[in-house]
Amino acid sequence: MSNRQLIIILILVCALIGFGFLAKQAIAAFMDLSRVSLNAAGIETEASFNMAPARITGISGDVQKGAVKLQWSPLTKTRLNGYRVYRGTSPDVQLIIGASNSNQSFFVDDDVEFGETYYYRVSAVNDLGEGYTSSPLRVRVK
């Protein structure tokens, strides 16, 4: 069971016995949350936990007019500063090649060579750091 699930259970139990405010204070102190909001039923509705963002999923890429357009599933339940895009010619060695702001879940790499195969990874970044990179995406420029 994750910390988030345990926190939600604790909030619900405290809310059921009428201690929503105390639950909010206790959990904020225990987990060092920067913001916790409880609705009338004492259920957490918004929180900013002290953790880096989740791993990016759903990454895809298309070759269009001599460039590679990458897209991925955006992270919508966390506050982000943006995304980092990595590229290499092998799945294990990649360097950062660009960034995308938090409301753009795409990136265009126009510095590619015809006939070359590239491996891309994407990560999300927030105030607490960088999340794990996505699984590598293989794209051959043709």
Protein backbone atom coordinates (compact mmCIF):
# COMPACT_ATOMS: atom_id res chain seq x y z
CA MET A 1 0.00 0.00 0.00
CA SER A 2 1.45 3.40 -0.96
CA ASN A 3 1.93 6.37 1.36
CA ARG A 4 -0.78 8.23 -0.52
CA GLN A 5 -3.28 5.41 0.03
CA LEU A 6 -2.40 5.27 3.73
CA ILE A 7 -2.88 9.01 4.03
CA ILE A 8 -6.28 8.86 2.33
CA ILE A 9 -7.40 6.05 4.65
CA LEU A 10 -6.23 8.03 7.69
CA ILE A 11 -8.10 11.14 6.49
CA LEU A 12 -11.28 9.15 5.91
CA VAL A 13 -11.12 7.50 9.33
CA CYS A 14 -10.55 10.84 11.06
CA ALA A 15 -13.31 12.48 9.02
CA LEU A 16 -15.75 9.75 9.99
CA ILE A 17 -15.23 10.49 13.65
CA GLY A 18 -15.35 14.26 13.12
CA PHE A 19 -11.69 15.17 13.25
CA GLY A 20 -11.15 16.42 9.68
CA PHE A 21 -9.23 19.49 10.78
CA LEU A 22 -7.02 17.51 13.13
CA ALA A 23 -6.39 14.92 10.41
CA LYS A 24 -5.28 17.66 8.06
CA GLN A 25 -2.83 19.06 10.59
CA ALA A 26 -1.51 15.65 11.66
CA ILE A 27 -0.94 14.46 8.11
CA ALA A 28 0.65 17.74 7.05
CA ALA A 29 3.08 17.46 9.96
CA PHE A 30 3.76 13.76 9.38
CA MET A 31 4.27 13.91 5.62
CA ASP A 32 5.54 17.51 5.43
CA LEU A 33 2.98 18.37 2.79
CA SER A 34 3.26 21.82 1.33
CA ARG A 35 -0.52 22.05 0.84
CA VAL A 36 -3.45 19.86 1.83
CA SER A 37 -7.06 20.76 1.14
CA LEU A 38 -9.96 18.82 2.58
CA ASN A 39 -13.52 19.01 1.33
CA ALA A 40 -16.56 19.03 3.64
CA ALA A 41 -16.36 15.25 4.03
CA GLY A 42 -12.73 15.49 5.10
CA ILE A 43 -11.39 13.90 1.92
CA GLU A 44 -8.15 15.15 0.42
CA THR A 45 -8.84 17.06 -2.78
CA GLU A 46 -5.48 18.60 -3.56
CA ALA A 47 -1.98 18.05 -2.25
CA SER A 48 1.57 18.71 -3.25
CA PHE A 49 3.70 15.88 -1.89
CA ASN A 50 7.43 16.13 -1.48
CA MET A 51 8.35 13.82 -4.33
CA ALA A 52 9.62 13.98 -7.88
CA PRO A 53 7.12 13.41 -10.73
CA ALA A 54 6.05 10.00 -12.00
CA ARG A 55 7.62 8.24 -14.98
CA ILE A 56 6.45 9.43 -18.40
CA THR A 57 4.45 6.88 -20.42
CA GLY A 58 2.86 6.73 -23.84
CA ILE A 59 5.86 8.14 -25.69
CA SER A 60 5.64 7.97 -29.48
CA GLY A 61 7.51 9.54 -32.36
CA ASP A 62 6.93 10.30 -36.01
CA VAL A 63 9.36 11.44 -38.68
CA GLN A 64 7.95 14.51 -40.41
CA LYS A 65 9.85 16.60 -43.00
CA GLY A 66 13.31 15.71 -41.74
CA ALA A 67 12.45 16.07 -38.06
CA VAL A 68 11.26 13.75 -35.30
CA LYS A 69 8.10 14.82 -33.49
CA LEU A 70 7.82 13.19 -30.06
CA GLN A 71 4.60 13.01 -28.06
CA TRP A 72 3.81 11.52 -24.65
CA SER A 73 1.03 11.20 -22.13
CA PRO A 74 1.05 14.36 -20.02
CA LEU A 75 1.18 14.20 -16.25
CA THR A 76 -1.94 16.00 -15.10
CA LYS A 77 -2.15 15.27 -11.36
CA THR A 78 1.07 16.96 -10.33
CA ARG A 79 2.57 20.42 -10.57
CA LEU A 80 5.33 20.40 -13.16
CA ASN A 81 8.01 22.81 -14.24
CA GLY A 82 8.30 21.00 -17.56
CA TYR A 83 9.72 18.00 -19.37
CA ARG A 84 13.27 17.06 -20.43
CA VAL A 85 13.99 15.24 -23.67
CA TYR A 86 17.01 12.96 -24.07
CA ARG A 87 18.44 11.45 -27.26
CA GLY A 88 21.23 9.06 -28.15
CA THR A 89 22.27 6.59 -30.81
CA SER A 90 22.01 3.70 -28.36
CA PRO A 91 19.33 2.99 -25.76
CA ASP A 92 21.80 3.29 -22.87
CA VAL A 93 23.70 6.50 -23.70
CA GLN A 94 21.61 9.62 -24.07
CA LEU A 95 22.14 13.34 -23.58
CA ILE A 96 19.58 16.02 -22.91
CA ILE A 97 18.66 17.73 -26.17
CA GLY A 98 15.80 19.97 -25.12
CA ALA A 99 12.94 20.82 -22.87
CA SER A 100 9.22 21.40 -23.10
CA ASN A 101 7.11 23.49 -20.75
CA SER A 102 4.56 21.83 -18.49
CA ASN A 103 1.56 22.39 -20.77
CA GLN A 104 3.22 20.86 -23.86
CA SER A 105 3.51 17.10 -24.10
CA PHE A 106 5.46 17.14 -27.35
CA PHE A 107 8.90 18.07 -28.68
CA VAL A 108 10.29 18.44 -32.21
CA ASP A 109 13.87 17.33 -32.81
CA ASP A 110 14.98 18.94 -36.06
CA ASP A 111 18.67 18.15 -35.63
CA VAL A 112 18.54 14.62 -37.06
CA GLU A 113 20.36 12.88 -39.89
CA PHE A 114 18.74 10.82 -42.63
CA GLY A 115 19.33 7.08 -42.16
CA GLU A 116 20.26 7.41 -38.49
CA THR A 117 18.50 5.59 -35.65
CA TYR A 118 17.88 7.55 -32.47
CA TYR A 119 16.67 6.54 -29.02
CA TYR A 120 14.60 9.04 -27.06
CA ARG A 121 13.58 9.27 -23.42
CA VAL A 122 11.45 11.89 -21.67
CA SER A 123 11.26 12.86 -17.99
CA ALA A 124 9.11 15.28 -16.00
CA VAL A 125 10.60 17.90 -13.69
CA ASN A 126 9.10 19.70 -10.69
CA ASP A 127 10.52 21.82 -7.85
CA LEU A 128 11.71 18.69 -6.07
CA GLY A 129 13.62 17.18 -8.95
CA GLU A 130 13.42 15.06 -12.05
CA GLY A 131 11.31 11.91 -12.31
CA TYR A 132 12.48 8.68 -13.89
CA THR A 133 12.91 8.78 -17.64
CA SER A 134 10.49 6.97 -19.91
CA SER A 135 11.36 3.69 -21.55
CA PRO A 136 13.50 4.33 -24.64
CA LEU A 137 11.72 4.99 -27.94
CA ARG A 138 13.56 3.89 -31.09
CA VAL A 139 13.05 6.10 -34.17
CA ARG A 140 14.75 5.61 -37.55
CA VAL A 141 14.92 8.74 -39.70
CA LYS A 142 13.98 7.85 -43.29
